[in-house]
């Protein structure tokens, strides 16, 4: 049984920060000096991870890491805001990086924010890394330890033997073995849930404790709260289900929402909410509905 742990983005990157900043910036002589407080008083959300780094060529600067489960259209504007706020707070140049985890079909992901108003122009460049385009061997050979939990969704990583290799590395290290729930979470996107259960040798229900799964639930609940608390628990469940469908199956998954919205039984909605994580296809979920 995997250990319960706070497996945040900051924890993942802190496993090997030097290798991480070399990978995201492609600056070979860069070193990570410190992971900084990324909370800005002017906005309510934290940037994922802000690192003070240094290289002989560029001196000290900030590497701003923003990880998204799926790309959202508002990200260019957000990257512009985060980069400016980080630079103002720490008085250092900022290298912003947007890392998208799960692929959203037919979505063009820009590498800059650009706008013009009344003859004035604003522009913010940032690097984009789409994990589904990253060769899985980078996680093993460089190595970038922080990528090991993402192995199933990396390019060439959706193989049983490759996932087993990543699992063996995680379990062999006391610092890394807490990450196997994250590995299992992403493995459930590319392999049959029964096979993932066999590889992990534990009950897939443990994924309910995965911080990534909890993030899906929290975002869904927050969406429900934004629509009004008076609508009650049923609306919050529906919002969580909607978020889970969108994260795992994209726009195709959202097509099930009209049918699910007709369900009034909270226990049945709860079962659907949990099943979204463990099923491999929409057809399996349709059978439950």
Protein backbone atom coordinates (compact mmCIF):
# COMPACT_ATOMS: atom_id res chain seq x y z
CA UNK A 1 0.00 0.00 0.00
CA UNK A 2 1.51 3.38 -1.00
CA UNK A 3 2.15 5.91 1.71
CA UNK A 4 -0.09 8.89 2.22
CA UNK A 5 1.82 12.05 1.37
CA UNK A 6 1.56 15.64 0.22
CA UNK A 7 2.65 15.14 -3.38
CA UNK A 8 2.54 18.73 -4.58
CA UNK A 9 4.15 20.16 -7.69
CA UNK A 10 6.72 21.85 -5.45
CA UNK A 11 7.63 18.48 -3.92
CA UNK A 12 8.01 16.88 -7.35
CA UNK A 13 10.34 19.61 -8.61
CA UNK A 14 12.33 19.72 -5.36
CA UNK A 15 13.42 16.10 -5.90
CA UNK A 16 16.14 17.27 -8.31
CA UNK A 17 15.78 21.02 -8.92
CA UNK A 18 19.06 21.41 -10.85
CA UNK A 19 18.08 18.81 -13.43
CA UNK A 20 14.59 20.27 -13.59
CA UNK A 21 15.68 23.85 -14.39
CA UNK A 22 18.24 22.56 -16.93
CA UNK A 23 15.47 20.63 -18.65
CA UNK A 24 12.80 23.36 -18.72
CA UNK A 25 15.20 26.16 -19.77
CA UNK A 26 17.65 24.13 -21.89
CA UNK A 27 20.47 26.15 -20.25
CA UNK A 28 23.17 23.57 -19.57
CA UNK A 29 25.16 25.44 -16.88
CA UNK A 30 22.18 26.61 -14.83
CA UNK A 31 21.86 25.73 -11.12
CA UNK A 32 18.83 26.04 -8.87
CA UNK A 33 19.53 28.23 -5.85
CA UNK A 34 16.22 28.35 -3.98
CA UNK A 35 12.52 27.58 -4.35
CA UNK A 36 10.82 30.87 -3.54
CA UNK A 37 7.45 31.91 -2.18
CA UNK A 38 5.27 32.28 -5.29
CA UNK A 39 2.26 33.89 -3.61
CA UNK A 40 1.50 37.38 -4.85
CA UNK A 41 -0.67 39.67 -2.75
CA UNK A 42 -2.46 41.11 -5.77
CA UNK A 43 -3.90 37.79 -6.91
CA UNK A 44 -5.47 34.94 -4.99
CA UNK A 45 -3.79 32.03 -6.77
CA UNK A 46 -0.19 30.85 -6.39
CA UNK A 47 2.01 30.17 -9.35
CA UNK A 48 2.99 26.51 -9.11
CA UNK A 49 6.74 26.76 -8.48
CA UNK A 50 9.07 29.76 -8.61
CA UNK A 51 12.81 28.99 -8.52
CA UNK A 52 15.71 31.40 -8.16
CA UNK A 53 18.41 30.12 -10.50
CA UNK A 54 21.84 31.20 -11.68
CA UNK A 55 24.10 30.66 -14.66
CA UNK A 56 27.48 32.16 -15.65
CA UNK A 57 25.95 33.67 -18.79
CA UNK A 58 22.75 35.16 -17.37
CA UNK A 59 23.55 35.63 -13.68
CA UNK A 60 20.64 35.29 -11.24
CA UNK A 61 17.09 35.02 -12.58
CA UNK A 62 13.75 33.37 -11.85
CA UNK A 63 12.32 30.22 -13.44
CA UNK A 64 8.55 30.34 -13.19
CA UNK A 65 6.96 26.89 -13.59
CA UNK A 66 3.22 26.71 -14.28
CA UNK A 67 1.82 23.16 -14.58
CA UNK A 68 -1.65 22.59 -16.00
CA UNK A 69 -3.53 19.28 -16.18
CA UNK A 70 -5.04 20.57 -19.43
CA UNK A 71 -4.31 23.77 -21.31
CA UNK A 72 -6.83 26.57 -20.77
CA UNK A 73 -7.39 29.53 -23.12
CA UNK A 74 -6.68 32.04 -20.34
CA UNK A 75 -3.12 30.76 -19.82
CA UNK A 76 -1.30 33.32 -22.05
CA UNK A 77 -2.78 36.20 -20.04
CA UNK A 78 -2.01 34.38 -16.78
CA UNK A 79 1.60 33.76 -17.81
CA UNK A 80 1.99 37.45 -18.59
CA UNK A 81 0.65 38.39 -15.14
CA UNK A 82 2.74 35.85 -13.22
CA UNK A 83 5.95 36.77 -15.00
CA UNK A 84 5.43 40.48 -14.31
CA UNK A 85 4.49 39.95 -10.67
CA UNK A 86 7.45 37.66 -10.02
CA UNK A 87 9.87 40.11 -11.64
CA UNK A 88 8.45 43.02 -9.64
CA UNK A 89 8.49 41.16 -6.32
CA UNK A 90 12.04 39.78 -6.56
CA UNK A 91 13.58 42.35 -8.94
CA UNK A 92 15.04 39.63 -11.16
CA UNK A 93 14.51 38.68 -14.82
CA UNK A 94 11.94 35.87 -15.22
CA UNK A 95 11.97 32.81 -17.48
CA UNK A 96 8.32 31.59 -17.60
CA UNK A 97 7.53 27.96 -18.51
CA UNK A 98 4.06 26.54 -19.13
CA UNK A 99 3.93 22.74 -18.77
CA UNK A 100 0.77 21.05 -20.06
CA UNK A 101 0.21 17.52 -18.76
CA UNK A 102 -2.75 16.03 -20.64
CA UNK A 103 -3.41 16.59 -24.33
CA UNK A 104 -6.54 18.41 -25.43
CA UNK A 105 -7.29 17.48 -29.04
CA UNK A 106 -7.33 20.15 -31.73
CA UNK A 107 -6.15 22.94 -29.44
CA UNK A 108 -3.41 25.27 -30.63
CA UNK A 109 -1.20 26.27 -27.72
CA UNK A 110 0.48 29.68 -28.19
CA UNK A 111 3.96 30.47 -26.88
CA UNK A 112 3.30 34.14 -26.13
CA UNK A 113 0.75 36.62 -24.90
CA UNK A 114 0.24 39.54 -27.27
CA UNK A 115 -2.28 42.37 -27.30
CA UNK A 116 -2.73 45.84 -28.73
CA UNK A 117 -4.93 48.64 -27.45
CA UNK A 118 -5.08 52.26 -28.60
CA UNK A 119 -1.74 51.91 -30.37
CA UNK A 120 -0.02 50.34 -27.32
CA UNK A 121 1.31 46.79 -27.53
CA UNK A 122 1.96 44.23 -24.80
CA UNK A 123 3.87 40.98 -25.27
CA UNK A 124 5.08 38.16 -23.03
CA UNK A 125 6.98 35.19 -24.41
CA UNK A 126 7.12 31.93 -22.47
CA UNK A 127 8.31 28.42 -23.13
CA UNK A 128 5.68 25.72 -23.65
CA UNK A 129 6.36 22.08 -22.78
CA UNK A 130 3.67 19.55 -23.68
CA UNK A 131 4.42 16.36 -21.76
CA UNK A 132 2.87 14.13 -24.44
CA UNK A 133 5.62 15.39 -26.79
CA UNK A 134 8.47 14.69 -24.33
CA UNK A 135 10.40 11.46 -24.97
CA UNK A 136 10.03 9.11 -22.04
CA UNK A 137 13.76 8.31 -22.04
CA UNK A 138 14.45 11.79 -20.65
CA UNK A 139 12.94 10.68 -17.34
CA UNK A 140 15.35 7.72 -17.13
CA UNK A 141 18.55 8.89 -18.84
CA UNK A 142 19.12 12.53 -17.88
CA UNK A 143 17.54 11.78 -15.37
CA UNK A 144 14.69 14.15 -14.56
CA UNK A 145 13.28 12.40 -11.48
CA UNK A 146 10.32 14.76 -11.32
CA UNK A 147 9.07 13.28 -14.61
CA UNK A 148 8.92 9.68 -13.36
CA UNK A 149 5.30 9.93 -12.10
CA UNK A 150 4.32 11.29 -15.54
CA UNK A 151 5.94 8.41 -17.46
CA UNK A 152 2.61 6.92 -18.71
CA UNK A 153 1.68 10.09 -20.57
CA UNK A 154 5.15 10.88 -21.96
CA UNK A 155 5.92 10.00 -25.58
CA UNK A 156 6.55 6.25 -25.68
CA UNK A 157 5.62 5.81 -22.04
CA UNK A 158 2.25 4.08 -22.35
CA UNK A 159 3.77 0.60 -22.19
CA UNK A 160 3.40 -1.84 -19.33
CA UNK A 161 7.15 -2.55 -19.12
CA UNK A 162 8.03 1.16 -19.13
CA UNK A 163 5.55 1.93 -16.35
CA UNK A 164 6.89 -1.02 -14.35
CA UNK A 165 10.43 0.35 -14.78
CA UNK A 166 9.32 3.74 -13.43
CA UNK A 167 7.51 2.05 -10.54
CA UNK A 168 10.63 0.05 -9.58
CA UNK A 169 12.70 3.23 -9.42
CA UNK A 170 10.10 4.99 -7.29
CA UNK A 171 9.72 2.09 -4.86
CA UNK A 172 13.48 1.62 -4.48
CA UNK A 173 13.96 5.14 -3.09
CA UNK A 174 12.53 6.25 0.26
CA UNK A 175 12.18 9.79 -1.06
CA UNK A 176 10.41 8.71 -4.24
CA UNK A 177 8.16 5.85 -3.16
CA UNK A 178 5.44 8.27 -2.07
CA UNK A 179 4.91 9.18 -5.74
CA UNK A 180 3.49 5.87 -6.94
CA UNK A 181 -0.08 7.08 -6.50
CA UNK A 182 0.68 9.85 -9.01
CA UNK A 183 2.18 7.29 -11.39
CA UNK A 184 -0.92 5.10 -11.00
CA UNK A 185 -3.19 8.08 -11.58
CA UNK A 186 -1.65 8.85 -14.96
CA UNK A 187 -1.30 5.16 -15.85
CA UNK A 188 -5.10 4.93 -15.54
CA UNK A 189 -5.37 7.28 -18.52
CA UNK A 190 -3.51 4.94 -20.88
CA UNK A 191 -3.97 1.40 -19.53
CA UNK A 192 -6.94 -0.69 -18.48
CA UNK A 193 -7.65 -0.15 -14.79
CA UNK A 194 -7.34 -3.89 -14.08
CA UNK A 195 -3.84 -3.89 -15.60
CA UNK A 196 -2.85 -0.82 -13.56
CA UNK A 197 -4.11 -2.58 -10.45
CA UNK A 198 -2.03 -5.63 -11.34
CA UNK A 199 1.10 -3.56 -11.91
CA UNK A 200 0.69 -1.61 -8.68
CA UNK A 201 -0.49 -4.62 -6.67
CA UNK A 202 -2.98 -2.59 -4.67
CA UNK A 203 -6.62 -1.58 -4.73
CA UNK A 204 -7.29 1.16 -7.29
CA UNK A 205 -9.59 2.82 -4.74
CA UNK A 206 -6.42 4.23 -3.17
CA UNK A 207 -6.28 6.68 -6.07
CA UNK A 208 -9.09 8.56 -4.38
CA UNK A 209 -6.35 9.82 -2.04
CA UNK A 210 -4.14 11.01 -4.89
CA UNK A 211 -3.56 14.78 -4.69
CA UNK A 212 -4.08 14.99 -8.45
CA UNK A 213 -7.49 13.33 -8.15
CA UNK A 214 -8.28 15.52 -5.16
CA UNK A 215 -7.36 18.54 -7.27
CA UNK A 216 -9.96 17.51 -9.82
CA UNK A 217 -12.55 17.19 -7.05
CA UNK A 218 -11.59 20.52 -5.44
CA UNK A 219 -11.78 22.39 -8.73
CA UNK A 220 -15.15 20.85 -9.41
CA UNK A 221 -16.38 21.76 -5.93
CA UNK A 222 -15.08 25.29 -6.34
CA UNK A 223 -16.96 25.55 -9.61
CA UNK A 224 -20.06 24.37 -7.78
CA UNK A 225 -19.59 26.95 -5.03
CA UNK A 226 -19.23 29.68 -7.63
CA UNK A 227 -22.65 28.72 -8.97
CA UNK A 228 -24.15 29.17 -5.52
CA UNK A 229 -23.92 27.14 -2.32
CA UNK A 230 -27.70 27.11 -1.99
CA UNK A 231 -27.92 24.55 -4.80
CA UNK A 232 -26.61 22.00 -2.34
CA UNK A 233 -24.51 18.88 -2.43
CA UNK A 234 -26.02 17.50 -5.63
CA UNK A 235 -24.83 20.46 -7.68
CA UNK A 236 -21.35 20.18 -6.14
CA UNK A 237 -21.23 16.50 -7.09
CA UNK A 238 -22.30 17.32 -10.64
CA UNK A 239 -19.61 20.00 -10.87
CA UNK A 240 -16.94 17.57 -9.66
CA UNK A 241 -18.12 14.96 -12.16
CA UNK A 242 -18.05 17.53 -14.94
CA UNK A 243 -14.47 18.49 -14.05
CA UNK A 244 -13.40 14.84 -13.87
CA UNK A 245 -14.93 14.06 -17.27
CA UNK A 246 -13.24 17.08 -18.81
CA UNK A 247 -9.83 16.25 -17.36
CA UNK A 248 -9.85 12.54 -18.27
CA UNK A 249 -11.85 12.42 -21.51
CA UNK A 250 -11.88 15.99 -22.78
CA UNK A 251 -14.88 17.42 -24.65
CA UNK A 252 -16.14 13.94 -25.55
CA UNK A 253 -16.57 13.13 -21.88
CA UNK A 254 -18.66 16.25 -21.32
CA UNK A 255 -21.27 14.87 -23.71
CA UNK A 256 -22.39 12.56 -20.87
CA UNK A 257 -23.30 15.46 -18.59
CA UNK A 258 -26.91 15.95 -19.83
CA UNK A 259 -27.67 12.32 -18.94
CA UNK A 260 -25.82 12.47 -15.61
CA UNK A 261 -27.56 15.72 -14.71
CA UNK A 262 -30.87 13.85 -14.64
CA UNK A 263 -29.67 11.70 -11.71
CA UNK A 264 -30.89 12.87 -8.29
CA UNK A 265 -29.49 10.05 -6.10
CA UNK A 266 -26.37 11.38 -4.35
CA UNK A 267 -24.91 7.91 -3.77
CA UNK A 268 -25.22 7.11 -7.45
CA UNK A 269 -23.54 10.39 -8.35
CA UNK A 270 -20.78 9.61 -5.87
CA UNK A 271 -20.25 6.21 -7.52
CA UNK A 272 -19.97 7.88 -10.94
CA UNK A 273 -17.54 10.42 -9.51
CA UNK A 274 -15.23 7.66 -8.26
CA UNK A 275 -15.66 5.53 -11.38
CA UNK A 276 -14.35 8.30 -13.64
CA UNK A 277 -10.89 7.65 -12.22
CA UNK A 278 -10.89 3.87 -12.52
CA UNK A 279 -12.60 3.24 -15.87
CA UNK A 280 -10.51 3.19 -19.02
CA UNK A 281 -13.15 4.12 -21.59
CA UNK A 282 -16.33 6.13 -21.85
CA UNK A 283 -18.20 2.97 -22.76
CA UNK A 284 -17.39 1.50 -19.33
CA UNK A 285 -18.71 4.66 -17.71
CA UNK A 286 -21.88 4.58 -19.82
CA UNK A 287 -22.62 1.09 -18.55
CA UNK A 288 -22.47 2.36 -14.97
CA UNK A 289 -24.71 5.33 -15.76
